[in-house]
Protein backbone atom coordinates (compact mmCIF):
# COMPACT_ATOMS: atom_id res chain seq x y z
CA MET A 1 5.43 15.42 5.23
CA LYS A 2 7.11 11.89 4.95
CA PHE A 3 7.64 9.53 2.38
CA SER A 4 7.76 5.99 1.78
CA VAL A 5 7.96 2.97 -0.85
CA ILE A 6 5.21 0.41 -1.19
CA PHE A 7 5.83 -3.19 -2.22
CA GLU A 8 3.58 -5.42 -4.22
CA ALA A 9 6.46 -7.67 -5.47
CA GLN A 10 5.00 -7.45 -8.95
CA LEU A 11 6.55 -9.19 -12.13
CA ALA A 12 5.73 -10.26 -15.77
CA ASP A 13 6.47 -13.29 -16.96
CA PRO A 14 6.40 -15.03 -13.96
CA THR A 15 8.74 -17.86 -13.87
CA VAL A 16 10.16 -19.53 -10.48
CA GLU A 17 13.94 -17.84 -11.29
CA ARG A 18 12.18 -14.13 -11.77
CA GLU A 19 9.88 -14.28 -9.23
CA HIS A 20 12.40 -15.42 -6.62
CA GLN A 21 14.98 -12.36 -7.95
CA VAL A 22 11.82 -9.63 -7.60
CA ILE A 23 11.54 -10.69 -3.96
CA ARG A 24 15.45 -10.05 -3.78
CA ASP A 25 14.96 -7.30 -5.72
CA CYS A 26 12.61 -5.54 -3.30
CA VAL A 27 15.07 -6.06 -0.36
CA GLU A 28 17.50 -4.31 -2.15
CA GLN A 29 15.36 -1.17 -2.93
CA ALA A 30 13.99 -1.23 0.64
CA VAL A 31 17.81 -0.95 2.35
CA LEU A 32 18.23 1.53 -0.17
CA ALA A 33 15.12 3.83 0.32
CA GLU A 34 16.70 4.05 3.93
CA ARG A 35 20.04 5.18 2.69
CA MET A 36 18.05 7.72 0.60
CA GLY A 37 15.92 9.18 3.39
CA PHE A 38 12.49 8.09 3.43
CA ASP A 39 10.76 7.45 6.71
CA ARG A 40 8.72 3.98 5.94
CA ILE A 41 8.72 0.90 3.65
CA TRP A 42 4.97 -0.88 3.52
CA ALA A 43 4.27 -4.51 2.46
CA VAL A 44 1.05 -5.73 0.70
CA GLU A 45 -0.15 -9.03 1.36
CA HIS A 46 -2.00 -10.77 -1.25
CA HIS A 47 -2.65 -14.45 -1.77
CA SER A 48 -2.47 -16.69 -5.08
CA LEU A 49 -2.53 -13.10 -7.71
CA LYS A 50 -0.18 -14.01 -9.96
CA TRP A 51 1.48 -11.33 -11.78
CA TYR A 52 -0.03 -8.79 -9.66
CA ALA A 53 1.06 -9.80 -6.14
CA HIS A 54 3.42 -12.05 -4.99
CA MET A 55 3.97 -10.48 -1.54
CA SER A 56 2.61 -13.27 0.45
CA ALA A 57 4.42 -13.20 3.41
CA PRO A 58 4.88 -9.67 4.50
CA GLU A 59 5.72 -10.48 8.08
CA VAL A 60 8.48 -12.32 6.79
CA PHE A 61 9.49 -10.08 4.55
CA LEU A 62 9.49 -6.89 6.89
CA THR A 63 11.30 -8.99 9.55
CA TRP A 64 14.19 -9.37 6.89
CA ILE A 65 14.23 -5.51 6.28
CA ALA A 66 14.13 -4.70 9.68
CA ALA A 67 17.28 -6.92 10.12
CA ARG A 68 19.05 -5.04 7.41
CA THR A 69 17.88 -1.50 8.37
CA HIS A 70 18.32 0.69 11.58
CA THR A 71 16.08 3.80 11.51
CA ILE A 72 13.25 3.30 8.66
CA ARG A 73 9.66 2.41 9.66
CA ILE A 74 8.14 -0.68 8.31
CA GLY A 75 5.03 -1.21 7.66
CA HIS A 76 2.18 -3.79 6.91
CA GLY A 77 0.01 -2.30 3.97
CA VAL A 78 -2.09 -4.23 4.91
CA VAL A 79 -2.40 -7.35 6.17
CA CYS A 80 -5.57 -9.27 5.45
CA MET A 81 -7.59 -9.41 8.36
CA PRO A 82 -10.66 -11.63 7.29
CA PHE A 83 -10.13 -14.75 10.30
CA ASN A 84 -9.21 -17.59 7.79
CA PHE A 85 -6.49 -15.30 6.38
CA ASN A 86 -4.87 -14.31 9.65
CA HIS A 87 -6.54 -14.83 12.88
CA PRO A 88 -6.40 -11.29 14.98
CA VAL A 89 -4.74 -12.78 17.80
CA ARG A 90 -1.63 -14.54 15.66
CA VAL A 91 -1.53 -10.91 14.34
CA ALA A 92 -1.16 -9.38 17.35
CA GLU A 93 1.55 -11.99 18.18
CA ARG A 94 3.27 -11.53 15.22
CA ALA A 95 3.27 -7.63 14.87
CA ALA A 96 4.40 -7.29 18.45
CA MET A 97 7.19 -9.70 18.40
CA LEU A 98 8.46 -7.41 15.21
CA ASP A 99 8.03 -4.14 16.55
CA LEU A 100 9.92 -5.47 19.51
CA LEU A 101 12.79 -6.63 17.27
CA SER A 102 12.81 -3.49 15.32
CA GLY A 103 13.04 -1.43 17.98
CA GLY A 104 9.77 0.31 17.91
CA ARG A 105 9.50 0.61 13.85
CA LEU A 106 6.02 -1.26 13.19
CA ASP A 107 2.76 0.19 11.75
CA LEU A 108 0.36 -2.00 11.19
CA GLY A 109 -2.26 -1.59 8.56
CA ALA A 110 -5.64 -3.71 8.13
CA GLY A 111 -7.71 -4.80 4.90
CA ARG A 112 -9.95 -7.03 3.37
CA GLY A 113 -7.56 -9.37 0.63
CA GLY A 114 -11.72 -9.54 -0.63
CA THR A 115 -11.15 -10.91 -3.93
CA GLU A 116 -12.52 -14.19 -5.26
CA GLN A 117 -9.44 -15.70 -5.87
CA GLU A 118 -7.78 -14.96 -2.42
CA THR A 119 -10.98 -15.90 -0.56
CA SER A 120 -11.82 -19.01 -2.44
CA LEU A 121 -8.12 -20.20 -1.71
CA CYS A 122 -8.55 -19.68 1.99
CA GLY A 123 -12.24 -20.31 2.93
CA VAL A 124 -12.96 -16.56 3.78
CA ASP A 125 -16.50 -15.41 3.72
CA ARG A 126 -16.73 -12.21 1.44
CA GLU A 127 -19.75 -11.16 3.32
CA ARG A 128 -18.26 -10.97 6.35
CA THR A 129 -14.91 -9.18 5.44
CA THR A 130 -15.83 -5.86 5.84
CA ALA A 131 -17.36 -6.81 9.76
CA GLU A 132 -14.35 -9.52 10.04
CA VAL A 133 -11.46 -6.32 9.38
CA GLU A 134 -13.51 -4.07 12.14
CA GLU A 135 -13.46 -6.71 14.35
CA ALA A 136 -9.59 -7.84 13.96
CA LEU A 137 -8.59 -4.08 14.62
CA ARG A 138 -10.75 -3.97 17.90
CA ILE A 139 -9.25 -7.33 19.08
CA ILE A 140 -5.64 -6.23 18.30
CA GLY A 141 -6.27 -2.54 20.06
CA LYS A 142 -7.79 -4.58 23.35
CA ALA A 143 -4.74 -7.44 23.24
CA TRP A 144 -2.25 -4.63 23.42
CA GLN A 145 -3.27 -2.24 26.50
CA GLU A 146 -4.61 -5.04 28.81
CA GLU A 147 -2.40 -7.43 30.79
CA GLU A 148 -5.26 -10.23 29.47
CA LEU A 149 -7.11 -10.19 26.54
CA GLU A 150 -10.84 -10.95 27.03
CA TYR A 151 -13.12 -10.18 23.93
CA HIS A 152 -16.73 -11.28 23.66
CA GLY A 153 -17.79 -10.43 20.11
CA GLU A 154 -20.65 -10.74 17.75
CA LEU A 155 -17.91 -12.96 15.78
CA LEU A 156 -15.22 -14.11 17.92
CA ASP A 157 -15.42 -15.07 21.55
CA ILE A 158 -12.12 -15.47 23.48
CA GLY A 159 -11.74 -15.98 27.39
CA PRO A 160 -8.99 -14.44 29.24
CA HIS A 161 -5.55 -14.88 27.81
CA PRO A 162 -1.98 -12.87 28.10
CA ILE A 163 -1.21 -12.07 24.66
CA LEU A 164 2.95 -11.93 24.34
CA PRO A 165 5.21 -10.64 23.62
CA ARG A 166 3.81 -7.20 24.40
CA PRO A 167 4.88 -4.41 21.55
CA ALA A 168 7.91 -1.97 21.90
CA GLN A 169 5.70 1.18 21.04
CA ARG A 170 3.47 2.16 23.81
CA PRO A 171 0.46 1.47 24.08
CA HIS A 172 0.95 -0.37 20.82
CA PRO A 173 2.25 0.48 17.09
CA PRO A 174 -0.39 2.94 14.85
CA LEU A 175 -2.99 1.33 13.45
CA PHE A 176 -3.95 1.51 9.84
CA LEU A 177 -7.05 0.95 6.93
CA ALA A 178 -6.37 0.20 3.45
CA CYS A 179 -8.93 2.72 1.72
CA SER A 180 -10.34 3.12 -1.60
CA ARG A 181 -14.01 4.54 -1.05
CA GLY A 182 -15.59 7.19 0.25
CA GLU A 183 -17.12 4.26 3.25
CA THR A 184 -13.85 3.21 3.98
CA LEU A 185 -12.37 6.32 4.77
CA VAL A 186 -15.59 7.43 7.10
CA GLN A 187 -14.93 3.97 8.67
CA ALA A 188 -11.25 4.83 9.25
CA ALA A 189 -12.09 8.33 11.11
CA GLU A 190 -14.52 6.86 13.16
CA LEU A 191 -12.64 4.08 14.12
CA GLY A 192 -9.64 6.25 14.86
CA VAL A 193 -7.03 4.44 12.50
CA GLY A 194 -4.77 6.15 9.94
CA ALA A 195 -6.20 6.05 6.24
CA LEU A 196 -3.89 3.84 3.53
CA VAL A 197 -5.46 5.94 0.13
CA MET A 198 -4.51 3.18 -2.69
CA GLY A 199 -6.28 5.39 -5.27
CA PHE A 200 -4.98 5.89 -8.60
CA ALA A 201 -7.22 9.12 -9.36
CA GLY A 202 -4.67 11.90 -8.99
CA PRO A 203 -4.59 14.81 -6.61
CA GLU A 204 -8.26 16.32 -7.24
CA SER A 205 -9.57 12.76 -6.43
CA ILE A 206 -7.36 12.98 -3.61
CA ALA A 207 -8.75 16.06 -2.37
CA GLY A 208 -12.26 14.90 -2.51
CA MET A 209 -11.10 11.87 -0.26
CA ARG A 210 -9.35 14.10 2.16
CA ALA A 211 -12.29 15.81 2.51
CA VAL A 212 -14.72 12.95 3.39
CA TYR A 213 -11.84 11.56 5.90
CA ASP A 214 -11.76 15.34 7.23
CA ALA A 215 -15.90 15.45 7.68
CA ALA A 216 -15.68 12.09 9.30
CA LEU A 217 -13.00 13.50 11.96
CA ALA A 218 -15.16 16.12 12.58
CA ALA A 219 -18.20 14.60 13.02
CA ARG A 220 -16.85 11.28 15.09
CA ASP A 221 -17.46 11.12 18.94
CA GLY A 222 -15.09 8.61 19.78
CA SER A 223 -17.81 5.76 20.61
CA ARG A 224 -16.29 3.26 17.77
CA PHE A 225 -12.83 3.88 18.65
CA VAL A 226 -10.28 0.72 18.43
CA SER A 227 -8.01 1.78 21.09
CA THR A 228 -7.24 4.70 23.20
CA ALA A 229 -4.32 5.20 20.64
CA VAL A 230 -5.98 7.48 17.98
CA ASN A 231 -3.84 7.44 14.69
CA ASP A 232 -5.20 10.38 11.91
CA HIS A 233 -2.41 10.05 9.41
CA PHE A 234 -3.36 10.25 5.64
CA SER A 235 -1.13 8.54 3.36
CA VAL A 236 -1.56 8.90 -0.73
CA LEU A 237 -0.08 6.39 -3.55
CA CYS A 238 2.27 8.04 -5.78
CA PRO A 239 3.33 5.86 -8.63
CA THR A 240 6.56 7.34 -9.83
CA ILE A 241 9.42 6.71 -12.06
CA VAL A 242 12.50 9.38 -11.92
CA LEU A 243 15.28 9.19 -14.44
CA ASP A 244 17.81 11.74 -15.78
CA ASP A 245 15.85 11.40 -19.08
CA PRO A 246 12.52 12.64 -18.39
CA GLU A 247 10.86 10.89 -21.60
CA GLU A 248 12.54 7.31 -21.01
CA ALA A 249 11.11 7.56 -17.16
CA ARG A 250 7.87 8.50 -18.28
CA ARG A 251 7.82 5.90 -20.82
CA ILE A 252 9.21 3.22 -18.06
CA GLY A 253 6.43 4.54 -15.98
CA VAL A 254 3.38 4.19 -17.84
CA ARG A 255 3.99 0.83 -19.05
CA GLY A 256 4.63 -0.17 -15.76
CA GLN A 257 1.38 1.35 -14.58
CA ARG A 258 -0.35 -0.05 -17.37
CA PHE A 259 0.69 -3.54 -16.44
CA PHE A 260 -0.65 -2.84 -12.51
CA ALA A 261 -4.24 -1.67 -14.12
CA GLN A 262 -4.33 -4.76 -16.12
CA SER A 263 -3.10 -7.26 -13.53
CA ILE A 264 -5.56 -5.50 -11.04
CA GLY A 265 -8.34 -5.67 -14.23
CA HIS A 266 -7.49 -9.68 -14.42
CA TRP A 267 -8.05 -10.12 -10.50
CA TYR A 268 -11.05 -8.14 -9.25
CA GLY A 269 -12.63 -7.18 -12.71
CA GLY A 270 -11.99 -10.52 -14.29
CA ALA A 271 -10.35 -8.82 -17.54
CA GLY A 272 -7.54 -10.79 -19.45
CA ILE A 273 -4.16 -11.94 -18.42
CA PRO A 274 -2.02 -8.71 -18.15
CA ASP A 275 0.10 -8.19 -21.33
CA GLU A 276 3.43 -8.78 -20.89
CA ALA A 277 5.02 -7.66 -24.40
CA VAL A 278 6.89 -4.56 -24.55
CA ALA A 279 7.98 -3.22 -28.02
CA ALA A 280 10.93 -0.75 -28.18
CA GLY A 281 9.39 2.63 -28.64
CA ALA A 282 5.95 1.92 -27.94
CA ASP A 283 3.28 5.18 -27.63
CA GLU A 284 2.71 3.92 -23.75
CA ALA A 285 0.27 7.07 -23.36
CA ALA A 286 -1.82 5.70 -25.90
CA GLU A 287 -1.70 1.90 -25.40
CA MET A 288 -2.78 3.05 -21.64
CA ARG A 289 -5.49 4.93 -23.36
CA ARG A 290 -6.21 2.03 -25.24
CA ALA A 291 -6.13 -0.24 -22.07
CA ALA A 292 -8.82 1.61 -20.25
CA GLU A 293 -11.04 1.79 -23.67
CA GLN A 294 -11.13 -1.94 -23.39
CA VAL A 295 -12.42 -1.55 -19.72
CA VAL A 296 -14.77 0.23 -20.59
CA ALA A 297 -16.13 -2.05 -23.56
CA ARG A 298 -16.03 -4.52 -21.22
CA LEU A 299 -18.54 -3.17 -18.42
CA HIS A 300 -20.64 -2.13 -21.29
CA GLU A 301 -20.57 -5.63 -22.51
CA LEU A 302 -21.63 -6.77 -18.84
CA ASP A 303 -24.03 -3.77 -18.67
CA ILE A 304 -22.51 -2.63 -15.77
CA PRO A 305 -22.47 0.76 -15.06
CA VAL A 306 -19.24 2.46 -15.64
CA ARG A 307 -18.20 5.32 -12.88
CA PRO A 308 -15.19 7.61 -12.61
CA THR A 309 -13.09 4.94 -10.59
CA SER A 310 -13.67 2.30 -13.15
CA THR A 311 -10.75 3.23 -15.20
CA ALA A 312 -8.76 5.36 -12.55
CA THR A 313 -5.73 2.83 -12.39
CA PHE A 314 -5.21 4.39 -16.33
CA ASN A 315 -4.59 7.67 -15.11
CA ALA A 316 -0.83 8.29 -16.49
CA ASP A 317 -1.04 11.92 -14.58
CA HIS A 318 1.41 11.02 -11.88
CA ALA A 319 5.44 11.54 -10.82
CA TYR A 320 6.86 10.22 -14.27
CA GLY A 321 9.77 12.45 -15.45
CA SER A 322 12.23 14.64 -14.31
CA ALA A 323 12.74 14.76 -10.47
CA ASP A 324 11.44 18.73 -10.60
CA GLU A 325 8.57 17.08 -12.35
CA ALA A 326 7.91 14.40 -9.44
CA ILE A 327 8.40 18.07 -7.09
CA ALA A 328 5.84 19.24 -8.62
CA TYR A 329 3.19 16.31 -8.58
CA VAL A 330 3.87 15.84 -4.72
CA GLU A 331 3.39 19.55 -4.26
CA ARG A 332 -0.16 18.83 -6.04
CA LEU A 333 -0.42 16.10 -3.54
CA ARG A 334 0.68 18.16 -0.66
CA ALA A 335 -2.11 20.98 -1.25
CA ALA A 336 -4.83 17.85 -1.40
CA GLY A 337 -4.00 17.00 2.08
CA ALA A 338 -1.49 14.02 2.05
CA ASP A 339 0.15 13.82 4.93
CA GLU A 340 2.59 10.90 3.40
CA VAL A 341 3.00 10.03 0.07
CA MET A 342 4.11 6.49 -0.52
CA CYS A 343 5.90 5.98 -3.75
CA LEU A 344 4.72 2.52 -6.02
CA VAL A 345 8.50 2.68 -7.55
CA GLN A 346 7.91 -1.23 -8.32
CA MET A 347 5.46 -2.37 -11.25
CA GLY A 348 5.86 -5.48 -12.79
CA THR A 349 7.42 -4.22 -16.02
CA VAL A 350 9.92 -1.69 -14.45
CA PRO A 351 13.70 -2.79 -14.48
CA GLN A 352 15.38 -2.86 -11.30
CA GLU A 353 18.30 -0.11 -12.48
CA ALA A 354 15.27 2.19 -12.79
CA CYS A 355 13.77 1.49 -9.95
CA LEU A 356 17.00 2.09 -7.82
CA GLU A 357 17.65 5.31 -9.89
CA THR A 358 14.23 6.92 -9.03
CA LEU A 359 14.80 6.13 -5.28
CA ARG A 360 18.09 7.74 -5.69
CA GLN A 361 16.86 10.93 -7.42
CA TRP A 362 13.89 10.82 -4.61
CA GLY A 363 16.86 10.73 -2.24
CA GLU A 364 19.14 13.26 -3.45
CA LYS A 365 16.41 15.88 -5.04
CA VAL A 366 13.14 15.46 -4.30
CA ILE A 367 12.85 14.69 -0.52
CA PRO A 368 15.14 17.57 0.42
CA HIS A 369 13.47 19.78 -1.41
CA PHE A 370 10.05 19.01 1.21
CA ARG A 371 12.68 19.21 4.06
CA GLY A 372 14.75 21.95 3.32
CA GLU A 373 17.83 19.82 3.56
CA ARG A 374 20.86 18.60 1.36
CA GLY A 375 20.78 14.77 0.06
CA GLY A 376 22.59 12.20 1.57
CA ALA A 377 25.95 10.97 0.40
CA ASP A 378 25.54 9.13 -2.83
CA PRO A 379 25.00 5.28 -1.73
CA ALA A 380 26.82 3.73 -5.04
C-alpha cells in the first residue's frame, strides 16, 4: 500500500494575497509529507477554474517541491494532454528534465481538462480531447524509448527529431490516466497505464471500479499499449482530516468537501458560485445533504437524468475524525483493491493548521499501521 497527497490549490475568497498564500501553504504541506513518510505527492493541472483549482502550472510547483525534498516521488496528477493545452513533445521534454533533476522521482499522469471554461480558454476542441490524450501518451512513450522520435498518427505527424533530455528512469517515468468512469478505466488498462481514480463515492464504488479495471486487464491483448513499460497501478482518492478532536475533524473535513463539491458543480455542472460562508457551529452533514438536494433539483429542472455519480462528491463517508477512524477507512479502501491512497487534505475552506496536523497524524499513526513500523520524529 502506497500513500500520497494530492494538491488542487483551492481557496475560498480568492484574493491575490490569499491565492499566493495557498500556493505557499501547499509547498509547506508537500515538504512535511516527505518528513511524515508519504510516498508521493500529486499536483493537478487546471486553468481558469477560480475557487476550484489555482494549480495552473504544476510543472513549476513540482520542480520547486523536488528541490526542497529528497526521497518523495512527485507526480503530475495530471497534465492536460489535449494539444492546445500542451503539445506532447513539450510534455516529454519538461517531464524528462524534471525526472532528471529530481533523481528519477517523477510520475506522469494524463487527463482531458475537459471543462468548457478551460477548453474555451485555450481553443481546445472538446470533441477531440479523448483521442488527443491517447495520442499524446503514445507520442510520449515513443519519444522516451527511441533515439529519434518519428510519429505518423491520425492527429499529429512528426518527422524524425531527437527529444532531449532523456529521463533518468529507464525506459521512462510511469504513466497514468485520470479515471472517473468505466470507459476510462478500460482505456487505462488497454493502454497499459495506471489508473488515478478521482471518485468520491466511497469504498463500495471503488471496489466496482477495481473490478472493471481488473476485467479489462485480464481481457487485453497488448495491442493498444502506449509503451513497453506497462503500469497496472490503481490509485484512489481519500478525502481526509484527522485531528485529536474527531468531531472538529469531521466538521472541518465535511465543510471542506462541501466547498470542493460545490466548486465542481459550478464549473462542471453550471451550478452557482460555491457557498463560502462558514457559520460557527453549523451542522455540516445537514448542509452537505442540502447541497446535494440542490444538485438533484437542478438536474430535474434541466430534465437531465439523475445518476448515482451525480451526487457522489457530496458523499461524506471518508477518513474524517480520529486516526483510528482513518485507519478503518483505509482498510476498506485496501479491501476494495486500492494500491495507493491519495489523501485529499487541502480543500478550499480547510485551515492550514488542520492540513498540517492531518499530515502529522497520518505520518505518526495511520501510515505506520499499514507498514508495521513506528512513526517518524516529530517534525515540529
